[in-house]
Amino acid sequence: MVMMKSREEAIEDMTLMLMYLTCFGERSGDTIYLRTWKNYPFDVVDTLCDKDLIDTRHGNKSAYILDEGKRRAEELLKEYGIGI
């Protein structure tokens, strides 16, 4: 049985997937961070931050995808049948 999501949940899911699909690596020492542009509705970006999926500062045009955000985005891509 398919669980129905609210419009807000679907927007959050799709925003996270798009952020992940369009991210780029940024090296700092031996670590590579996933960075993405955050040209999405502010309330959605804020919600993803509150859920510890991304990290950003107000005023910045980009955000970092956190480990949990990466895991969740990959899970959602599989759920939606999108291969990477």
PDB file of N, CA and C in Angstrom:
ATOM      1  N   MET A   1       0.833  -1.173   0.000  1.00  0.00           N
ATOM      2  CA  MET A   1       0.000   0.000   0.000  1.00  0.00           C
ATOM      3  C   MET A   1       0.886   1.248   0.000  1.00  0.00           C
ATOM      4  N   VAL A   2       0.609   2.186  -0.874  1.00  0.00           N
ATOM      5  CA  VAL A   2       1.379   3.416  -0.984  1.00  0.00           C
ATOM      6  C   VAL A   2       0.866   4.430   0.033  1.00  0.00           C
ATOM      7  N   MET A   3       1.785   4.987   0.807  1.00  0.00           N
ATOM      8  CA  MET A   3       1.405   5.986   1.791  1.00  0.00           C
ATOM      9  C   MET A   3       1.322   7.351   1.107  1.00  0.00           C
ATOM     10  N   MET A   4       0.217   8.030   1.263  1.00  0.00           N
ATOM     11  CA  MET A   4       0.047   9.354   0.681  1.00  0.00           C
ATOM     12  C   MET A   4       0.802  10.382   1.523  1.00  0.00           C
ATOM     13  N   LYS A   5       1.477  11.282   0.832  1.00  0.00           N
ATOM     14  CA  LYS A   5       2.201  12.349   1.508  1.00  0.00           C
ATOM     15  C   LYS A   5       1.437  13.645   1.321  1.00  0.00           C
ATOM     16  N   SER A   6       1.629  14.535   2.266  1.00  0.00           N
ATOM     17  CA  SER A   6       1.030  15.857   2.117  1.00  0.00           C
ATOM     18  C   SER A   6       1.790  16.620   1.040  1.00  0.00           C
ATOM     19  N   ARG A   7       1.189  17.669   0.562  1.00  0.00           N
ATOM     20  CA  ARG A   7       1.836  18.521  -0.438  1.00  0.00           C
ATOM     21  C   ARG A   7       3.164  19.039   0.094  1.00  0.00           C
ATOM     22  N   GLU A   8       3.195  19.460   1.358  1.00  0.00           N
ATOM     23  CA  GLU A   8       4.408  19.994   1.970  1.00  0.00           C
ATOM     24  C   GLU A   8       5.501  18.936   2.047  1.00  0.00           C
ATOM     25  N   GLU A   9       5.131  17.714   2.426  1.00  0.00           N
ATOM     26  CA  GLU A   9       6.114  16.628   2.496  1.00  0.00           C
ATOM     27  C   GLU A   9       6.685  16.319   1.118  1.00  0.00           C
ATOM     28  N   ALA A  10       5.838  16.314   0.105  1.00  0.00           N
ATOM     29  CA  ALA A  10       6.293  16.047  -1.258  1.00  0.00           C
ATOM     30  C   ALA A  10       7.251  17.141  -1.730  1.00  0.00           C
ATOM     31  N   ILE A  11       6.943  18.384  -1.412  1.00  0.00           N
ATOM     32  CA  ILE A  11       7.825  19.494  -1.796  1.00  0.00           C
ATOM     33  C   ILE A  11       9.171  19.370  -1.090  1.00  0.00           C
ATOM     34  N   GLU A  12       9.158  19.031   0.189  1.00  0.00           N
ATOM     35  CA  GLU A  12      10.410  18.834   0.927  1.00  0.00           C
ATOM     36  C   GLU A  12      11.223  17.707   0.304  1.00  0.00           C
ATOM     37  N   ASP A  13      10.571  16.580   0.029  1.00  0.00           N
ATOM     38  CA  ASP A  13      11.263  15.434  -0.574  1.00  0.00           C
ATOM     39  C   ASP A  13      11.891  15.818  -1.907  1.00  0.00           C
ATOM     40  N   MET A  14      11.112  16.463  -2.745  1.00  0.00           N
ATOM     41  CA  MET A  14      11.596  16.797  -4.086  1.00  0.00           C
ATOM     42  C   MET A  14      12.685  17.857  -4.046  1.00  0.00           C
ATOM     43  N   THR A  15      12.579  18.796  -3.119  1.00  0.00           N
ATOM     44  CA  THR A  15      13.623  19.804  -2.966  1.00  0.00           C
ATOM     45  C   THR A  15      14.921  19.150  -2.528  1.00  0.00           C
ATOM     46  N   LEU A  16      14.855  18.252  -1.548  1.00  0.00           N
ATOM     47  CA  LEU A  16      16.061  17.562  -1.094  1.00  0.00           C
ATOM     48  C   LEU A  16      16.670  16.741  -2.232  1.00  0.00           C
ATOM     49  N   MET A  17      15.824  16.044  -2.998  1.00  0.00           N
ATOM     50  CA  MET A  17      16.342  15.258  -4.121  1.00  0.00           C
ATOM     51  C   MET A  17      17.020  16.163  -5.144  1.00  0.00           C
ATOM     52  N   LEU A  18      16.405  17.288  -5.482  1.00  0.00           N
ATOM     53  CA  LEU A  18      17.012  18.207  -6.448  1.00  0.00           C
ATOM     54  C   LEU A  18      18.313  18.794  -5.914  1.00  0.00           C
ATOM     55  N   MET A  19      18.337  19.130  -4.640  1.00  0.00           N
ATOM     56  CA  MET A  19      19.571  19.642  -4.044  1.00  0.00           C
ATOM     57  C   MET A  19      20.677  18.599  -4.156  1.00  0.00           C
ATOM     58  N   TYR A  20      20.346  17.354  -3.877  1.00  0.00           N
ATOM     59  CA  TYR A  20      21.334  16.276  -3.936  1.00  0.00           C
ATOM     60  C   TYR A  20      21.784  16.023  -5.379  1.00  0.00           C
ATOM     61  N   LEU A  21      20.830  15.989  -6.303  1.00  0.00           N
ATOM     62  CA  LEU A  21      21.165  15.718  -7.703  1.00  0.00           C
ATOM     63  C   LEU A  21      22.023  16.819  -8.328  1.00  0.00           C
ATOM     64  N   THR A  22      21.932  18.041  -7.807  1.00  0.00           N
ATOM     65  CA  THR A  22      22.683  19.152  -8.386  1.00  0.00           C
ATOM     66  C   THR A  22      23.850  19.599  -7.507  1.00  0.00           C
ATOM     67  N   CYS A  23      24.179  18.822  -6.492  1.00  0.00           N
ATOM     68  CA  CYS A  23      25.253  19.222  -5.585  1.00  0.00           C
ATOM     69  C   CYS A  23      26.622  19.049  -6.240  1.00  0.00           C
ATOM     70  N   PHE A  24      27.605  19.672  -5.620  1.00  0.00           N
ATOM     71  CA  PHE A  24      28.989  19.554  -6.072  1.00  0.00           C
ATOM     72  C   PHE A  24      29.868  19.375  -4.850  1.00  0.00           C
ATOM     73  N   GLY A  25      31.015  18.730  -5.051  1.00  0.00           N
ATOM     74  CA  GLY A  25      31.931  18.473  -3.943  1.00  0.00           C
ATOM     75  C   GLY A  25      32.817  19.669  -3.676  1.00  0.00           C
ATOM     76  N   GLU A  26      33.026  19.952  -2.408  1.00  0.00           N
ATOM     77  CA  GLU A  26      33.929  21.024  -1.996  1.00  0.00           C
ATOM     78  C   GLU A  26      34.923  20.418  -1.013  1.00  0.00           C
ATOM     79  N   ARG A  27      36.187  20.490  -1.356  1.00  0.00           N
ATOM     80  CA  ARG A  27      37.232  19.858  -0.540  1.00  0.00           C
ATOM     81  C   ARG A  27      37.718  20.823   0.538  1.00  0.00           C
ATOM     82  N   SER A  28      37.870  20.259   1.721  1.00  0.00           N
ATOM     83  CA  SER A  28      38.492  20.975   2.831  1.00  0.00           C
ATOM     84  C   SER A  28      39.440  19.982   3.498  1.00  0.00           C
ATOM     85  N   GLY A  29      40.703  20.105   3.207  1.00  0.00           N
ATOM     86  CA  GLY A  29      41.670  19.121   3.694  1.00  0.00           C
ATOM     87  C   GLY A  29      41.420  17.787   3.019  1.00  0.00           C
ATOM     88  N   ASP A  30      41.233  16.745   3.817  1.00  0.00           N
ATOM     89  CA  ASP A  30      40.965  15.409   3.283  1.00  0.00           C
ATOM     90  C   ASP A  30      39.472  15.115   3.149  1.00  0.00           C
ATOM     91  N   THR A  31      38.639  16.065   3.513  1.00  0.00           N
ATOM     92  CA  THR A  31      37.196  15.846   3.513  1.00  0.00           C
ATOM     93  C   THR A  31      36.553  16.549   2.326  1.00  0.00           C
ATOM     94  N   ILE A  32      35.593  15.864   1.694  1.00  0.00           N
ATOM     95  CA  ILE A  32      34.810  16.475   0.632  1.00  0.00           C
ATOM     96  C   ILE A  32      33.389  16.662   1.153  1.00  0.00           C
ATOM     97  N   TYR A  33      32.936  17.906   1.113  1.00  0.00           N
ATOM     98  CA  TYR A  33      31.583  18.250   1.549  1.00  0.00           C
ATOM     99  C   TYR A  33      30.695  18.409   0.323  1.00  0.00           C
ATOM    100  N   LEU A  34      29.438  18.000   0.447  1.00  0.00           N
ATOM    101  CA  LEU A  34      28.472  18.181  -0.630  1.00  0.00           C
ATOM    102  C   LEU A  34      27.812  19.544  -0.464  1.00  0.00           C
ATOM    103  N   ARG A  35      27.985  20.367  -1.468  1.00  0.00           N
ATOM    104  CA  ARG A  35      27.439  21.723  -1.421  1.00  0.00           C
ATOM    105  C   ARG A  35      26.423  21.887  -2.540  1.00  0.00           C
ATOM    106  N   THR A  36      25.385  22.658  -2.296  1.00  0.00           N
ATOM    107  CA  THR A  36      24.317  22.844  -3.272  1.00  0.00           C
ATOM    108  C   THR A  36      23.791  24.269  -3.199  1.00  0.00           C
ATOM    109  N   TRP A  37      23.271  24.742  -4.301  1.00  0.00           N
ATOM    110  CA  TRP A  37      22.622  26.047  -4.315  1.00  0.00           C
ATOM    111  C   TRP A  37      21.245  25.897  -3.678  1.00  0.00           C
ATOM    112  N   LYS A  38      20.802  26.931  -3.020  1.00  0.00           N
ATOM    113  CA  LYS A  38      19.529  26.831  -2.299  1.00  0.00           C
ATOM    114  C   LYS A  38      18.486  27.796  -2.850  1.00  0.00           C
ATOM    115  N   ASN A  39      18.321  27.783  -4.146  1.00  0.00           N
ATOM    116  CA  ASN A  39      17.318  28.631  -4.800  1.00  0.00           C
ATOM    117  C   ASN A  39      15.948  27.967  -4.753  1.00  0.00           C
ATOM    118  N   TYR A  40      15.485  27.754  -3.554  1.00  0.00           N
ATOM    119  CA  TYR A  40      14.198  27.103  -3.324  1.00  0.00           C
ATOM    120  C   TYR A  40      13.436  27.942  -2.310  1.00  0.00           C
ATOM    121  N   PRO A  41      12.152  27.682  -2.140  1.00  0.00           N
ATOM    122  CA  PRO A  41      11.384  28.469  -1.165  1.00  0.00           C
ATOM    123  C   PRO A  41      12.049  28.458   0.219  1.00  0.00           C
ATOM    124  N   PHE A  42      12.122  29.636   0.819  1.00  0.00           N
ATOM    125  CA  PHE A  42      12.803  29.778   2.108  1.00  0.00           C
ATOM    126  C   PHE A  42      12.238  28.858   3.174  1.00  0.00           C
ATOM    127  N   ASP A  43      10.911  28.704   3.205  1.00  0.00           N
ATOM    128  CA  ASP A  43      10.316  27.873   4.249  1.00  0.00           C
ATOM    129  C   ASP A  43      10.725  26.409   4.093  1.00  0.00           C
ATOM    130  N   VAL A  44      10.900  25.948   2.873  1.00  0.00           N
ATOM    131  CA  VAL A  44      11.322  24.558   2.643  1.00  0.00           C
ATOM    132  C   VAL A  44      12.783  24.391   3.067  1.00  0.00           C
ATOM    133  N   VAL A  45      13.629  25.341   2.685  1.00  0.00           N
ATOM    134  CA  VAL A  45      15.044  25.296   3.085  1.00  0.00           C
ATOM    135  C   VAL A  45      15.149  25.319   4.606  1.00  0.00           C
ATOM    136  N   ASP A  46      14.371  26.177   5.251  1.00  0.00           N
ATOM    137  CA  ASP A  46      14.387  26.243   6.720  1.00  0.00           C
ATOM    138  C   ASP A  46      13.960  24.920   7.342  1.00  0.00           C
ATOM    139  N   THR A  47      12.936  24.287   6.777  1.00  0.00           N
ATOM    140  CA  THR A  47      12.469  22.995   7.296  1.00  0.00           C
ATOM    141  C   THR A  47      13.546  21.927   7.144  1.00  0.00           C
ATOM    142  N   LEU A  48      14.221  21.888   6.003  1.00  0.00           N
ATOM    143  CA  LEU A  48      15.291  20.909   5.799  1.00  0.00           C
ATOM    144  C   LEU A  48      16.440  21.149   6.780  1.00  0.00           C
ATOM    145  N   CYS A  49      16.705  22.420   7.097  1.00  0.00           N
ATOM    146  CA  CYS A  49      17.709  22.748   8.119  1.00  0.00           C
ATOM    147  C   CYS A  49      17.257  22.269   9.491  1.00  0.00           C
ATOM    148  N   ASP A  50      15.998  22.552   9.821  1.00  0.00           N
ATOM    149  CA  ASP A  50      15.459  22.149  11.124  1.00  0.00           C
ATOM    150  C   ASP A  50      15.495  20.638  11.308  1.00  0.00           C
ATOM    151  N   LYS A  51      15.386  19.892  10.208  1.00  0.00           N
ATOM    152  CA  LYS A  51      15.434  18.428  10.260  1.00  0.00           C
ATOM    153  C   LYS A  51      16.854  17.895  10.175  1.00  0.00           C
ATOM    154  N   ASP A  52      17.854  18.790  10.201  1.00  0.00           N
ATOM    155  CA  ASP A  52      19.281  18.430  10.138  1.00  0.00           C
ATOM    156  C   ASP A  52      19.638  17.640   8.887  1.00  0.00           C
ATOM    157  N   LEU A  53      18.999  17.991   7.767  1.00  0.00           N
ATOM    158  CA  LEU A  53      19.311  17.365   6.483  1.00  0.00           C
ATOM    159  C   LEU A  53      20.299  18.221   5.687  1.00  0.00           C
ATOM    160  N   ILE A  54      20.239  19.532   5.889  1.00  0.00           N
ATOM    161  CA  ILE A  54      21.179  20.459   5.277  1.00  0.00           C
ATOM    162  C   ILE A  54      21.624  21.459   6.329  1.00  0.00           C
ATOM    163  N   ASP A  55      22.701  22.180   6.026  1.00  0.00           N
ATOM    164  CA  ASP A  55      23.186  23.228   6.917  1.00  0.00           C
ATOM    165  C   ASP A  55      23.460  24.457   6.075  1.00  0.00           C
ATOM    166  N   THR A  56      22.957  25.584   6.511  1.00  0.00           N
ATOM    167  CA  THR A  56      23.164  26.828   5.784  1.00  0.00           C
ATOM    168  C   THR A  56      23.042  27.995   6.745  1.00  0.00           C
ATOM    169  N   ARG A  57      23.509  29.113   6.307  1.00  0.00           N
ATOM    170  CA  ARG A  57      23.366  30.358   7.066  1.00  0.00           C
ATOM    171  C   ARG A  57      22.459  31.278   6.250  1.00  0.00           C
ATOM    172  N   HIS A  58      21.644  32.031   6.908  1.00  0.00           N
ATOM    173  CA  HIS A  58      20.794  32.995   6.207  1.00  0.00           C
ATOM    174  C   HIS A  58      21.700  33.991   5.489  1.00  0.00           C
ATOM    175  N   GLY A  59      21.357  34.291   4.275  1.00  0.00           N
ATOM    176  CA  GLY A  59      22.165  35.200   3.475  1.00  0.00           C
ATOM    177  C   GLY A  59      23.096  34.478   2.523  1.00  0.00           C
ATOM    178  N   ASN A  60      23.458  33.228   2.840  1.00  0.00           N
ATOM    179  CA  ASN A  60      24.292  32.442   1.927  1.00  0.00           C
ATOM    180  C   ASN A  60      23.435  31.938   0.779  1.00  0.00           C
ATOM    181  N   LYS A  61      24.048  31.795  -0.384  1.00  0.00           N
ATOM    182  CA  LYS A  61      23.319  31.287  -1.541  1.00  0.00           C
ATOM    183  C   LYS A  61      23.467  29.782  -1.692  1.00  0.00           C
ATOM    184  N   SER A  62      24.271  29.182  -0.819  1.00  0.00           N
ATOM    185  CA  SER A  62      24.474  27.739  -0.908  1.00  0.00           C
ATOM    186  C   SER A  62      24.262  27.099   0.460  1.00  0.00           C
ATOM    187  N   ALA A  63      24.180  25.770   0.443  1.00  0.00           N
ATOM    188  CA  ALA A  63      23.990  24.994   1.662  1.00  0.00           C
ATOM    189  C   ALA A  63      24.842  23.736   1.568  1.00  0.00           C
ATOM    190  N   TYR A  64      25.115  23.130   2.684  1.00  0.00           N
ATOM    191  CA  TYR A  64      25.810  21.848   2.735  1.00  0.00           C
ATOM    192  C   TYR A  64      24.791  20.748   2.995  1.00  0.00           C
ATOM    193  N   ILE A  65      24.907  19.664   2.270  1.00  0.00           N
ATOM    194  CA  ILE A  65      24.063  18.502   2.517  1.00  0.00           C
ATOM    195  C   ILE A  65      24.755  17.671   3.588  1.00  0.00           C
ATOM    196  N   LEU A  66      24.081  17.470   4.693  1.00  0.00           N
ATOM    197  CA  LEU A  66      24.650  16.699   5.802  1.00  0.00           C
ATOM    198  C   LEU A  66      24.523  15.198   5.535  1.00  0.00           C
ATOM    199  N   ASP A  67      25.215  14.391   6.323  1.00  0.00           N
ATOM    200  CA  ASP A  67      25.201  12.935   6.116  1.00  0.00           C
ATOM    201  C   ASP A  67      23.781  12.372   6.106  1.00  0.00           C
ATOM    202  N   GLU A  68      22.954  12.822   7.035  1.00  0.00           N
ATOM    203  CA  GLU A  68      21.566  12.343   7.089  1.00  0.00           C
ATOM    204  C   GLU A  68      20.794  12.803   5.853  1.00  0.00           C
ATOM    205  N   GLY A  69      21.083  14.001   5.366  1.00  0.00           N
ATOM    206  CA  GLY A  69      20.441  14.490   4.155  1.00  0.00           C
ATOM    207  C   GLY A  69      20.830  13.670   2.939  1.00  0.00           C
ATOM    208  N   LYS A  70      22.100  13.295   2.867  1.00  0.00           N
ATOM    209  CA  LYS A  70      22.575  12.449   1.764  1.00  0.00           C
ATOM    210  C   LYS A  70      21.884  11.093   1.805  1.00  0.00           C
ATOM    211  N   ARG A  71      21.827  10.509   2.991  1.00  0.00           N
ATOM    212  CA  ARG A  71      21.184   9.208   3.148  1.00  0.00           C
ATOM    213  C   ARG A  71      19.710   9.280   2.764  1.00  0.00           C
ATOM    214  N   ARG A  72      19.033  10.316   3.245  1.00  0.00           N
ATOM    215  CA  ARG A  72      17.604  10.469   2.964  1.00  0.00           C
ATOM    216  C   ARG A  72      17.355  10.736   1.483  1.00  0.00           C
ATOM    217  N   ALA A  73      18.185  11.559   0.862  1.00  0.00           N
ATOM    218  CA  ALA A  73      18.027  11.853  -0.573  1.00  0.00           C
ATOM    219  C   ALA A  73      18.197  10.583  -1.394  1.00  0.00           C
ATOM    220  N   GLU A  74      19.190   9.769  -1.069  1.00  0.00           N
ATOM    221  CA  GLU A  74      19.415   8.531  -1.811  1.00  0.00           C
ATOM    222  C   GLU A  74      18.244   7.568  -1.627  1.00  0.00           C
ATOM    223  N   GLU A  75      17.696   7.528  -0.419  1.00  0.00           N
ATOM    224  CA  GLU A  75      16.517   6.697  -0.133  1.00  0.00           C
ATOM    225  C   GLU A  75      15.306   7.181  -0.955  1.00  0.00           C
ATOM    226  N   LEU A  76      15.107   8.484  -1.002  1.00  0.00           N
ATOM    227  CA  LEU A  76      13.996   9.037  -1.760  1.00  0.00           C
ATOM    228  C   LEU A  76      14.144   8.787  -3.264  1.00  0.00           C
ATOM    229  N   LEU A  77      15.357   8.920  -3.772  1.00  0.00           N
ATOM    230  CA  LEU A  77      15.585   8.668  -5.192  1.00  0.00           C
ATOM    231  C   LEU A  77      15.187   7.232  -5.560  1.00  0.00           C
ATOM    232  N   LYS A  78      15.542   6.299  -4.686  1.00  0.00           N
ATOM    233  CA  LYS A  78      15.135   4.907  -4.919  1.00  0.00           C
ATOM    234  C   LYS A  78      13.616   4.767  -4.859  1.00  0.00           C
ATOM    235  N   GLU A  79      13.017   5.423  -3.851  1.00  0.00           N
ATOM    236  CA  GLU A  79      11.559   5.365  -3.662  1.00  0.00           C
ATOM    237  C   GLU A  79      10.824   5.910  -4.896  1.00  0.00           C
ATOM    238  N   TYR A  80      11.347   6.956  -5.488  1.00  0.00           N
ATOM    239  CA  TYR A  80      10.734   7.576  -6.647  1.00  0.00           C
ATOM    240  C   TYR A  80      11.215   6.954  -7.967  1.00  0.00           C
ATOM    241  N   GLY A  81      12.077   5.933  -7.881  1.00  0.00           N
ATOM    242  CA  GLY A  81      12.541   5.233  -9.066  1.00  0.00           C
ATOM    243  C   GLY A  81      13.495   6.046  -9.925  1.00  0.00           C
ATOM    244  N   ILE A  82      14.283   6.916  -9.299  1.00  0.00           N
ATOM    245  CA  ILE A  82      15.250   7.743 -10.023  1.00  0.00           C
ATOM    246  C   ILE A  82      16.631   7.183  -9.803  1.00  0.00           C
ATOM    247  N   GLY A  83      17.279   6.742 -10.856  1.00  0.00           N
ATOM    248  CA  GLY A  83      18.620   6.190 -10.751  1.00  0.00           C
ATOM    249  C   GLY A  83      19.662   7.282 -10.816  1.00  0.00           C
ATOM    250  N   ILE A  84      20.748   7.068 -10.098  1.00  0.00           N
ATOM    251  CA  ILE A  84      21.864   8.031 -10.160  1.00  0.00           C
ATOM    252  C   ILE A  84      23.142   7.319 -10.508  1.00  0.00           C
TER     253      ILE A  84
END
